[in-house]
């Protein structure tokens, strides 16, 4: 599958099919979960009214939400329109994809490091501890989302923590949504002192193996500037860029 075919499949399977159609957008609205716009079909005439409609919808729910803007979305000035409507842009990331079987491998870990599946509340706490140390910020909302997902839909994700003794030094998950060939990679941050020692690659290889075992063909990831060079070296292909635009009704 070439780049354009893979991007079209990603749009169909990850963006369009994983939410509800509302007017000219596909959105997710979940109390206690992720709220936002996954996909849109807009032009110069429909963009501003649709943005206003979604702002009104989520404001009525009293929820902050995110508009996931991709570099191939239209109209070309959609980013400027979102900013004018009160959205705040987070850092741009690169959308990367790869054949899962090409990335799957036996994890190679530094001496003294083992992988622990995060399959219970204790495991999620270890995952969040690694996340907060690696990224330097708490994420209580993410903790709540993962605990709820673990309780309600445990088959929809596989999380893992790299442990050095009793200390969590890195953590990541793979999202395994139904009715798609794409498994999503999230997390992967490693604490200072353990970076550059292969922990990130080990977590990637482990999650790719899980994806293959569960029948997924592709991996996708929104890569930061730090992880993108590693992923490109391992065989991931860039499909474009994505920028989250956040809107807070009480801002």
Protein backbone atom coordinates (compact mmCIF):
# COMPACT_ATOMS: atom_id res chain seq x y z
CA UNK A 1 0.00 0.00 0.00
CA UNK A 2 1.48 3.35 -1.02
CA UNK A 3 1.38 6.52 1.05
CA UNK A 4 -1.80 7.96 -0.45
CA UNK A 5 -3.65 4.65 -0.10
CA UNK A 6 -2.51 4.28 3.50
CA UNK A 7 -3.57 7.83 4.35
CA UNK A 8 -6.99 7.24 2.79
CA UNK A 9 -7.34 4.00 4.77
CA UNK A 10 -6.29 5.81 7.94
CA UNK A 11 -8.95 8.47 7.38
CA UNK A 12 -11.65 5.85 6.79
CA UNK A 13 -10.74 3.45 9.55
CA UNK A 14 -9.31 5.62 12.33
CA UNK A 15 -10.90 9.01 11.88
CA UNK A 16 -14.29 8.39 10.29
CA UNK A 17 -15.33 4.99 11.62
CA UNK A 18 -14.29 5.57 15.24
CA UNK A 19 -16.75 8.37 16.01
CA UNK A 20 -20.26 9.59 15.27
CA UNK A 21 -21.17 11.59 12.19
CA UNK A 22 -22.63 14.99 13.05
CA UNK A 23 -23.22 17.32 10.13
CA UNK A 24 -19.95 17.66 8.24
CA UNK A 25 -17.72 16.30 11.03
CA UNK A 26 -17.08 13.08 12.91
CA UNK A 27 -16.78 13.59 16.64
CA UNK A 28 -16.45 11.76 19.93
CA UNK A 29 -18.32 12.90 23.00
CA UNK A 30 -17.63 10.80 26.08
CA UNK A 31 -18.14 11.90 29.66
CA UNK A 32 -14.86 11.35 31.42
CA UNK A 33 -13.15 10.39 28.16
CA UNK A 34 -11.70 12.11 25.10
CA UNK A 35 -13.97 14.70 23.50
CA UNK A 36 -13.27 16.18 20.11
CA UNK A 37 -13.44 16.29 16.33
CA UNK A 38 -11.75 13.40 14.54
CA UNK A 39 -12.50 14.30 10.91
CA UNK A 40 -14.20 16.98 8.86
CA UNK A 41 -15.38 17.59 5.30
CA UNK A 42 -15.38 21.37 5.02
CA UNK A 43 -14.84 24.14 2.52
CA UNK A 44 -14.63 27.93 2.62
CA UNK A 45 -18.40 28.29 2.97
CA UNK A 46 -19.08 25.55 5.54
CA UNK A 47 -16.04 25.77 7.82
CA UNK A 48 -17.01 28.69 10.08
CA UNK A 49 -20.64 27.58 10.63
CA UNK A 50 -19.51 24.03 11.44
CA UNK A 51 -16.85 25.27 13.87
CA UNK A 52 -19.48 27.41 15.60
CA UNK A 53 -21.89 24.46 15.74
CA UNK A 54 -19.34 22.21 17.43
CA UNK A 55 -18.33 24.92 19.90
CA UNK A 56 -21.99 25.33 20.81
CA UNK A 57 -22.47 21.57 21.15
CA UNK A 58 -19.57 20.97 23.53
CA UNK A 59 -20.21 24.21 25.43
CA UNK A 60 -23.75 23.01 26.13
CA UNK A 61 -22.20 19.82 27.54
CA UNK A 62 -19.76 21.97 29.58
CA UNK A 63 -16.82 20.03 28.20
CA UNK A 64 -13.49 21.07 26.82
CA UNK A 65 -12.72 19.42 23.50
CA UNK A 66 -10.06 19.06 20.85
CA UNK A 67 -10.16 19.50 17.10
CA UNK A 68 -7.61 17.13 15.54
CA UNK A 69 -6.40 19.03 12.48
CA UNK A 70 -4.40 17.17 9.83
CA UNK A 71 -2.23 18.73 7.16
CA UNK A 72 -4.46 17.39 4.36
CA UNK A 73 -7.69 18.74 5.88
CA UNK A 74 -9.56 21.46 4.08
CA UNK A 75 -10.04 24.34 3.67
CA UNK A 76 -6.38 25.32 3.60
CA UNK A 77 -6.91 28.03 6.21
CA UNK A 78 -8.79 25.81 8.70
CA UNK A 79 -6.05 26.37 11.30
CA UNK A 80 -6.51 30.13 11.12
CA UNK A 81 -10.29 29.73 11.38
CA UNK A 82 -9.96 27.57 14.49
CA UNK A 83 -7.62 30.08 16.11
CA UNK A 84 -10.03 32.91 15.33
CA UNK A 85 -12.83 30.91 17.00
CA UNK A 86 -10.88 30.66 20.25
CA UNK A 87 -9.00 27.38 19.85
CA UNK A 88 -5.42 27.10 21.13
CA UNK A 89 -2.93 25.04 19.14
CA UNK A 90 -0.72 22.45 20.82
CA UNK A 91 2.64 21.54 19.26
CA UNK A 92 2.50 20.02 15.78
CA UNK A 93 3.26 16.30 15.52
CA UNK A 94 4.05 14.02 12.59
CA UNK A 95 1.60 11.29 11.65
CA UNK A 96 3.66 8.13 11.02
CA UNK A 97 2.58 4.63 10.03
CA UNK A 98 4.25 1.27 9.45
CA UNK A 99 3.48 -2.37 8.84
CA UNK A 100 3.16 -3.85 12.32
CA UNK A 101 4.91 -7.09 11.35
CA UNK A 102 7.98 -5.13 10.21
CA UNK A 103 8.33 -3.51 13.65
CA UNK A 104 7.42 -6.45 15.87
CA UNK A 105 10.43 -8.11 17.51
CA UNK A 106 11.64 -9.60 20.75
CA UNK A 107 12.23 -6.62 23.08
CA UNK A 108 15.91 -6.00 23.87
CA UNK A 109 16.12 -4.39 27.29
CA UNK A 110 19.04 -3.00 29.28
CA UNK A 111 20.34 -5.26 32.03
CA UNK A 112 18.12 -5.16 35.09
CA UNK A 113 15.04 -3.87 33.24
CA UNK A 114 11.91 -5.96 32.76
CA UNK A 115 8.51 -5.31 31.19
CA UNK A 116 5.39 -5.40 33.35
CA UNK A 117 1.95 -5.44 31.72
CA UNK A 118 -0.33 -2.74 33.12
CA UNK A 119 -3.44 -4.88 33.38
CA UNK A 120 -4.81 -3.74 36.73
CA UNK A 121 -5.15 -0.47 38.71
CA UNK A 122 -1.70 -0.98 40.26
CA UNK A 123 -0.20 -1.29 36.79
CA UNK A 124 -1.95 1.87 35.63
CA UNK A 125 -0.52 3.73 38.63
CA UNK A 126 2.98 2.58 37.66
CA UNK A 127 2.31 3.64 34.07
CA UNK A 128 1.23 7.10 35.21
CA UNK A 129 4.22 7.43 37.53
CA UNK A 130 6.55 6.76 34.60
CA UNK A 131 4.55 9.16 32.40
CA UNK A 132 4.67 11.98 34.93
CA UNK A 133 8.41 11.58 35.54
CA UNK A 134 9.19 11.31 31.82
CA UNK A 135 7.08 14.25 30.67
CA UNK A 136 7.40 16.39 33.81
CA UNK A 137 3.71 16.97 34.39
CA UNK A 138 0.78 15.23 36.09
CA UNK A 139 -2.03 13.84 33.97
CA UNK A 140 -4.98 13.08 36.27
CA UNK A 141 -7.43 13.12 33.38
CA UNK A 142 -5.44 10.44 31.53
CA UNK A 143 -5.27 8.30 34.66
CA UNK A 144 -9.04 8.43 35.03
CA UNK A 145 -9.56 7.60 31.34
CA UNK A 146 -7.25 4.59 31.45
CA UNK A 147 -8.77 3.22 34.65
CA UNK A 148 -12.24 3.55 33.19
CA UNK A 149 -11.14 1.91 29.95
CA UNK A 150 -9.48 -0.91 31.89
CA UNK A 151 -12.73 -1.53 33.76
CA UNK A 152 -15.11 -1.21 30.81
CA UNK A 153 -13.12 -2.23 27.70
CA UNK A 154 -9.89 -3.97 28.74
CA UNK A 155 -9.56 -5.62 25.32
CA UNK A 156 -9.27 -2.20 23.62
CA UNK A 157 -5.75 -1.46 24.86
CA UNK A 158 -2.55 -3.10 26.02
CA UNK A 159 -0.35 -1.06 28.34
CA UNK A 160 3.14 -1.92 29.54
CA UNK A 161 5.67 -0.47 31.98
CA UNK A 162 9.46 -0.87 31.93
CA UNK A 163 10.66 -1.51 35.48
CA UNK A 164 14.20 -1.06 36.82
CA UNK A 165 13.83 -2.88 40.10
CA UNK A 166 10.78 -1.37 41.74
CA UNK A 167 11.02 1.90 39.79
CA UNK A 168 8.93 2.51 36.65
CA UNK A 169 11.23 4.13 34.08
CA UNK A 170 9.05 4.11 30.97
CA UNK A 171 5.50 3.28 30.01
CA UNK A 172 3.38 3.09 26.89
CA UNK A 173 0.22 1.60 25.46
CA UNK A 174 -1.20 0.40 22.17
CA UNK A 175 -4.86 1.15 21.43
CA UNK A 176 -6.70 -1.72 19.77
CA UNK A 177 -9.93 -0.24 18.48
CA UNK A 178 -12.33 -2.58 16.65
CA UNK A 179 -13.09 -2.60 12.93
CA UNK A 180 -9.75 -1.17 11.86
CA UNK A 181 -6.41 -2.47 10.59
CA UNK A 182 -4.56 0.28 12.53
CA UNK A 183 -3.29 -0.05 16.09
CA UNK A 184 -2.41 3.25 17.76
CA UNK A 185 0.78 3.85 19.74
CA UNK A 186 0.69 6.25 22.69
CA UNK A 187 3.15 7.21 25.40
CA UNK A 188 6.66 5.83 25.33
CA UNK A 189 8.31 8.53 27.41
CA UNK A 190 11.41 7.44 29.33
CA UNK A 191 12.72 9.06 32.50
CA UNK A 192 15.98 11.00 32.48
CA UNK A 193 18.94 8.71 33.10
CA UNK A 194 17.50 5.84 31.08
CA UNK A 195 17.13 7.58 27.73
CA UNK A 196 19.26 6.45 24.81
CA UNK A 197 19.57 2.90 26.17
CA UNK A 198 16.99 1.16 24.02
CA UNK A 199 14.01 1.25 26.38
CA UNK A 200 11.80 3.16 23.93
CA UNK A 201 12.62 0.71 21.13
CA UNK A 202 11.89 -2.26 23.40
CA UNK A 203 8.45 -0.90 24.28
CA UNK A 204 7.80 -0.27 20.59
CA UNK A 205 8.80 -3.83 19.60
CA UNK A 206 6.64 -5.27 22.38
CA UNK A 207 3.55 -3.28 21.40
CA UNK A 208 4.02 -4.14 17.72
CA UNK A 209 4.07 -7.84 18.65
CA UNK A 210 0.84 -7.41 20.59
CA UNK A 211 -0.75 -5.66 17.60
CA UNK A 212 0.28 -8.46 15.23
CA UNK A 213 -1.00 -11.12 17.63
CA UNK A 214 -4.36 -9.32 17.80
CA UNK A 215 -4.62 -9.22 14.00
CA UNK A 216 -3.72 -5.58 13.26
CA UNK A 217 -1.84 -4.82 10.06
CA UNK A 218 -0.56 -1.28 10.67
CA UNK A 219 0.76 0.89 13.47
CA UNK A 220 0.13 4.62 13.64
CA UNK A 221 1.58 7.24 15.95
CA UNK A 222 1.52 11.02 16.35
CA UNK A 223 5.24 11.52 16.79
CA UNK A 224 6.92 14.35 18.66
CA UNK A 225 10.20 15.89 17.53
CA UNK A 226 12.01 13.59 19.98
CA UNK A 227 10.50 10.30 18.87
CA UNK A 228 10.17 11.00 15.14
CA UNK A 229 13.86 10.37 14.22
CA UNK A 230 13.84 7.02 16.04
CA UNK A 231 10.63 5.91 14.36
CA UNK A 232 11.81 6.96 10.91
CA UNK A 233 15.01 4.95 11.35
CA UNK A 234 12.94 1.91 12.31
CA UNK A 235 10.89 2.07 9.14
CA UNK A 236 7.88 4.28 9.86
CA UNK A 237 6.66 6.45 6.99
CA UNK A 238 5.36 10.02 7.37
CA UNK A 239 1.77 10.51 6.20
CA UNK A 240 1.51 14.19 7.13
CA UNK A 241 1.27 16.29 10.26
CA UNK A 242 -1.40 16.71 12.90
CA UNK A 243 -2.03 19.52 15.37
CA UNK A 244 -4.48 19.37 18.28
CA UNK A 245 -6.55 22.53 18.66
CA UNK A 246 -8.04 22.76 22.16
CA UNK A 247 -11.15 24.64 23.16
CA UNK A 248 -12.21 25.30 26.75
CA UNK A 249 -15.76 26.65 27.14
CA UNK A 250 -14.84 28.53 30.31
CA UNK A 251 -11.67 30.09 28.86
